[in-house]
Amino acid sequence: MLVENITDLLIFVAVVKAGSLSAAGRELGFSSAVVSKRLQRLEEQLGVRLLNRSTRQLCTTEEGRHYHDYCVRVLAELDEAETLITSGHSQPKGTF
């Protein structure tokens, strides 16, 4: 099963790092309502709960910790690929 949107992964990683929906939303430029809806959608797509939410704290489930580790690696790989592709290549190469 593929996640529909890379932004959902970015949001999930930001929430885990920031420790709250509102802090992650501020960091990414989203409202906490948008962050909450995107996380809910991600959990529905995966069929697992990634975060335990309460009024006072937010913590990852065991599945959430594993998924977070994978997301961090995937996002780092995407960032590296983008850097490699875009760095020093001002002229198109190849044949038509």
Protein backbone atom coordinates (compact mmCIF):
# COMPACT_ATOMS: atom_id res chain seq x y z
CA MET A 1 0.00 0.00 0.00
CA LEU A 2 1.44 3.35 -1.02
CA VAL A 3 0.83 6.57 0.80
CA GLU A 4 -1.07 8.96 -1.45
CA ASN A 5 0.93 12.03 -0.57
CA ILE A 6 4.52 12.65 0.57
CA THR A 7 3.22 15.64 2.54
CA ASP A 8 1.48 13.20 4.88
CA LEU A 9 4.87 11.65 5.69
CA LEU A 10 6.39 15.09 6.26
CA ILE A 11 3.53 15.98 8.59
CA PHE A 12 3.87 12.73 10.55
CA VAL A 13 7.63 13.18 10.98
CA ALA A 14 7.15 16.82 12.03
CA VAL A 15 4.50 15.88 14.61
CA VAL A 16 6.75 13.25 16.16
CA LYS A 17 9.68 15.68 16.24
CA ALA A 18 7.66 18.63 17.59
CA GLY A 19 5.60 16.60 20.03
CA SER A 20 2.35 18.34 19.16
CA LEU A 21 0.02 18.94 16.24
CA SER A 22 0.05 22.70 16.67
CA ALA A 23 3.85 22.98 16.80
CA ALA A 24 4.20 20.79 13.72
CA GLY A 25 1.55 22.84 11.96
CA ARG A 26 3.37 26.08 12.72
CA GLU A 27 6.64 24.59 11.45
CA LEU A 28 5.04 23.44 8.19
CA GLY A 29 2.57 26.28 7.68
CA PHE A 30 -0.60 24.24 8.30
CA SER A 31 -3.34 24.65 10.87
CA SER A 32 -3.52 22.03 13.61
CA ALA A 33 -6.88 20.94 12.13
CA VAL A 34 -5.23 20.20 8.76
CA VAL A 35 -2.41 18.33 10.50
CA SER A 36 -4.92 16.26 12.46
CA LYS A 37 -6.95 15.38 9.36
CA ARG A 38 -3.85 14.42 7.37
CA LEU A 39 -2.62 12.18 10.20
CA GLN A 40 -6.02 10.56 10.46
CA ARG A 41 -6.02 9.91 6.71
CA LEU A 42 -2.52 8.40 6.91
CA GLU A 43 -3.57 6.10 9.75
CA GLU A 44 -6.66 5.04 7.78
CA GLN A 45 -4.57 4.30 4.69
CA LEU A 46 -2.15 2.20 6.70
CA GLY A 47 -4.81 0.57 8.84
CA VAL A 48 -2.90 1.22 12.08
CA ARG A 49 -2.79 3.85 14.79
CA LEU A 50 0.52 5.72 14.63
CA LEU A 51 -0.03 8.10 17.53
CA ASN A 52 -1.80 7.97 20.86
CA ARG A 53 -3.40 11.34 21.47
CA SER A 54 -4.66 12.79 24.72
CA THR A 55 -5.42 16.31 25.84
CA ARG A 56 -2.02 16.57 27.51
CA GLN A 57 0.36 14.49 25.44
CA LEU A 58 1.03 12.84 22.14
CA CYS A 59 3.14 9.71 21.84
CA THR A 60 3.91 7.22 19.11
CA THR A 61 2.62 3.69 19.18
CA GLU A 62 5.05 0.85 18.54
CA GLU A 63 3.91 0.81 14.91
CA GLY A 64 4.31 4.60 14.83
CA ARG A 65 7.91 4.39 16.04
CA HIS A 66 8.79 1.87 13.34
CA TYR A 67 6.97 3.82 10.64
CA HIS A 68 8.64 7.06 11.76
CA ASP A 69 12.08 5.48 11.39
CA TYR A 70 11.24 4.37 7.84
CA CYS A 71 9.73 7.76 6.96
CA VAL A 72 12.86 9.59 8.11
CA ARG A 73 15.02 7.35 5.91
CA VAL A 74 12.71 7.64 2.90
CA LEU A 75 12.53 11.43 3.14
CA ALA A 76 16.31 11.66 3.51
CA GLU A 77 16.76 9.48 0.41
CA LEU A 78 14.33 11.66 -1.56
CA ASP A 79 16.17 14.78 -0.45
CA GLU A 80 19.51 13.26 -1.47
CA ALA A 81 18.13 12.18 -4.85
CA GLU A 82 16.79 15.67 -5.50
CA THR A 83 20.12 17.22 -4.54
CA LEU A 84 22.05 14.85 -6.81
CA ILE A 85 19.72 15.44 -9.74
CA THR A 86 19.61 19.22 -9.46
CA SER A 87 23.18 20.06 -8.45
CA GLY A 88 25.52 21.15 -11.20
CA HIS A 89 23.20 20.26 -14.05
CA SER A 90 22.28 23.53 -15.69
CA GLN A 91 22.44 22.07 -19.20
CA PRO A 92 20.21 19.20 -20.31
CA LYS A 93 22.12 16.05 -21.22
CA GLY A 94 21.26 13.09 -23.37
CA THR A 95 20.13 12.48 -26.91
CA PHE A 96 16.83 13.00 -28.67
